C-alpha atoms as a PDB file:
ATOM      1  CA  MET A   1      -3.839  26.190  32.242  1.00  0.00           C
ATOM      2  CA  GLN A   2      -0.287  27.171  31.550  1.00  0.00           C
ATOM      3  CA  PHE A   3       1.135  27.687  28.074  1.00  0.00           C
ATOM      4  CA  ASP A   4       3.375  24.622  28.422  1.00  0.00           C
ATOM      5  CA  GLN A   5       0.422  22.402  29.295  1.00  0.00           C
ATOM      6  CA  ALA A   6      -1.604  23.698  26.356  1.00  0.00           C
ATOM      7  CA  HIS A   7       1.373  23.210  24.046  1.00  0.00           C
ATOM      8  CA  GLN A   8       1.825  19.621  25.241  1.00  0.00           C
ATOM      9  CA  LEU A   9      -1.878  18.858  24.788  1.00  0.00           C
ATOM     10  CA  ILE A  10      -1.913  20.265  21.251  1.00  0.00           C
ATOM     11  CA  ALA A  11       1.272  18.409  20.316  1.00  0.00           C
ATOM     12  CA  ALA A  12      -0.103  15.130  21.719  1.00  0.00           C
ATOM     13  CA  MET A  13      -3.385  15.669  19.851  1.00  0.00           C
ATOM     14  CA  LEU A  14      -1.621  16.266  16.543  1.00  0.00           C
ATOM     15  CA  TRP A  15       0.654  13.245  16.943  1.00  0.00           C
ATOM     16  CA  LYS A  16      -2.293  11.037  17.910  1.00  0.00           C
ATOM     17  CA  GLY A  17      -4.224  12.263  14.866  1.00  0.00           C
ATOM     18  CA  LEU A  18      -1.275  11.461  12.620  1.00  0.00           C
ATOM     19  CA  LEU A  19      -0.908   8.030  14.199  1.00  0.00           C
ATOM     20  CA  LEU A  20      -4.607   7.266  13.751  1.00  0.00           C
ATOM     21  CA  SER A  21      -4.745   8.344  10.113  1.00  0.00           C
ATOM     22  CA  LEU A  22      -1.476   6.687   9.102  1.00  0.00           C
ATOM     23  CA  PRO A  23      -2.724   3.119   8.405  1.00  0.00           C
ATOM     24  CA  VAL A  24      -5.498   4.223   6.037  1.00  0.00           C
ATOM     25  CA  LEU A  25      -3.259   6.746   4.296  1.00  0.00           C
ATOM     26  CA  LEU A  26      -0.463   4.216   3.827  1.00  0.00           C
ATOM     27  CA  VAL A  27      -2.837   1.608   2.392  1.00  0.00           C
ATOM     28  CA  ALA A  28      -4.326   4.162  -0.017  1.00  0.00           C
ATOM     29  CA  MET A  29      -0.847   5.324  -1.029  1.00  0.00           C
ATOM     30  CA  VAL A  30       0.436   1.798  -1.691  1.00  0.00           C
ATOM     31  CA  VAL A  31      -2.681   0.853  -3.677  1.00  0.00           C
ATOM     32  CA  GLY A  32      -2.450   4.109  -5.647  1.00  0.00           C
ATOM     33  CA  LEU A  33       1.200   3.431  -6.436  1.00  0.00           C
ATOM     34  CA  LEU A  34       0.433  -0.121  -7.594  1.00  0.00           C
ATOM     35  CA  ILE A  35      -2.452   1.075  -9.765  1.00  0.00           C
ATOM     36  CA  SER A  36      -0.220   3.782 -11.251  1.00  0.00           C
ATOM     37  CA  VAL A  37       2.402   1.199 -12.165  1.00  0.00           C
ATOM     38  CA  ILE A  38      -0.275  -1.008 -13.739  1.00  0.00           C
ATOM     39  CA  GLN A  39      -1.624   1.997 -15.690  1.00  0.00           C
ATOM     40  CA  VAL A  40       1.833   2.852 -16.982  1.00  0.00           C
ATOM     41  CA  VAL A  41       2.502  -0.738 -18.049  1.00  0.00           C
ATOM     42  CA  THR A  42      -0.869  -1.227 -19.738  1.00  0.00           C
ATOM     43  CA  GLN A  43      -1.216   2.389 -20.937  1.00  0.00           C
ATOM     44  CA  VAL A  44      -4.805   2.519 -19.659  1.00  0.00           C
ATOM     45  CA  GLN A  45      -5.417   6.037 -18.287  1.00  0.00           C
ATOM     46  CA  ASP A  46      -8.850   5.893 -16.719  1.00  0.00           C
ATOM     47  CA  MET A  47      -9.589   7.910 -13.547  1.00  0.00           C
ATOM     48  CA  SER A  48     -12.087   5.401 -12.177  1.00  0.00           C
ATOM     49  CA  LEU A  49      -9.450   2.682 -12.426  1.00  0.00           C
ATOM     50  CA  SER A  50      -7.403   4.647  -9.914  1.00  0.00           C
ATOM     51  CA  PHE A  51     -10.228   5.874  -7.660  1.00  0.00           C
ATOM     52  CA  VAL A  52     -12.275   2.732  -7.056  1.00  0.00           C
ATOM     53  CA  PRO A  53      -9.450   0.435  -5.838  1.00  0.00           C
ATOM     54  CA  LYS A  54      -8.161   3.143  -3.495  1.00  0.00           C
ATOM     55  CA  LEU A  55     -11.663   3.640  -2.126  1.00  0.00           C
ATOM     56  CA  VAL A  56     -12.163  -0.097  -1.585  1.00  0.00           C
ATOM     57  CA  ALA A  57      -8.711  -0.467   0.001  1.00  0.00           C
ATOM     58  CA  SER A  58      -9.395   2.468   2.329  1.00  0.00           C
ATOM     59  CA  VAL A  59     -12.697   0.949   3.452  1.00  0.00           C
ATOM     60  CA  VAL A  60     -10.993  -2.406   4.059  1.00  0.00           C
ATOM     61  CA  ALA A  61      -8.228  -0.644   6.006  1.00  0.00           C
ATOM     62  CA  LEU A  62     -10.850   1.128   8.127  1.00  0.00           C
ATOM     63  CA  ILE A  63     -12.536  -2.201   8.842  1.00  0.00           C
ATOM     64  CA  VAL A  64      -9.236  -3.887   9.719  1.00  0.00           C
ATOM     65  CA  PHE A  65      -7.660  -1.029  11.707  1.00  0.00           C
ATOM     66  CA  GLY A  66     -10.927   0.450  13.017  1.00  0.00           C
ATOM     67  CA  PRO A  67     -10.992  -1.366  16.364  1.00  0.00           C
ATOM     68  CA  TRP A  68      -7.380  -0.373  17.080  1.00  0.00           C
ATOM     69  CA  MET A  69      -8.104   3.209  16.048  1.00  0.00           C
ATOM     70  CA  LEU A  70     -11.157   3.341  18.300  1.00  0.00           C
ATOM     71  CA  ARG A  71      -9.284   1.874  21.286  1.00  0.00           C
ATOM     72  CA  THR A  72      -6.437   4.345  20.794  1.00  0.00           C
ATOM     73  CA  LEU A  73      -8.795   7.299  20.509  1.00  0.00           C
ATOM     74  CA  LEU A  74     -10.835   6.234  23.536  1.00  0.00           C
ATOM     75  CA  SER A  75      -7.679   5.755  25.584  1.00  0.00           C
ATOM     76  CA  TYR A  76      -6.436   9.213  24.611  1.00  0.00           C
ATOM     77  CA  ALA A  77      -9.793  10.838  25.373  1.00  0.00           C
ATOM     78  CA  THR A  78     -10.079   9.041  28.713  1.00  0.00           C
ATOM     79  CA  ASN A  79      -6.582  10.142  29.741  1.00  0.00           C
ATOM     80  CA  LEU A  80      -7.328  13.687  28.612  1.00  0.00           C
ATOM     81  CA  ILE A  81     -10.563  13.866  30.598  1.00  0.00           C
ATOM     82  CA  LEU A  82      -8.937  12.326  33.690  1.00  0.00           C
ATOM     83  CA  SER A  83      -6.002  14.734  33.528  1.00  0.00           C
ATOM     84  CA  ALA A  84      -8.387  17.677  33.085  1.00  0.00           C
ATOM     85  CA  GLY A  85     -10.291  16.528  36.188  1.00  0.00           C
ATOM     86  CA  GLN A  86      -7.082  16.398  38.217  1.00  0.00           C
ATOM     87  CA  HIS A  87      -6.002  19.909  37.210  1.00  0.00           C
ATOM     88  CA  GLY A  88      -9.437  21.463  37.583  1.00  0.00           C
END
């Protein structure tokens, strides 16, 4: 395997990982921001008030985006294995 091929595989892997984690991270970030605004307005500073909604929203995001994430990951892995078989 040449350096360029390894570099392309690593770059593709990192971008795919970012793409797969983005929906859950964005949902958790938006929920965290909304909870922070609510905490500032109501002046209630409880850690569990911030943690539990983000946890629930992340689980819901995994349930909603999970099939897409799995299809994307399987497609990437299949293409990677097929391309490794062609070069081997």
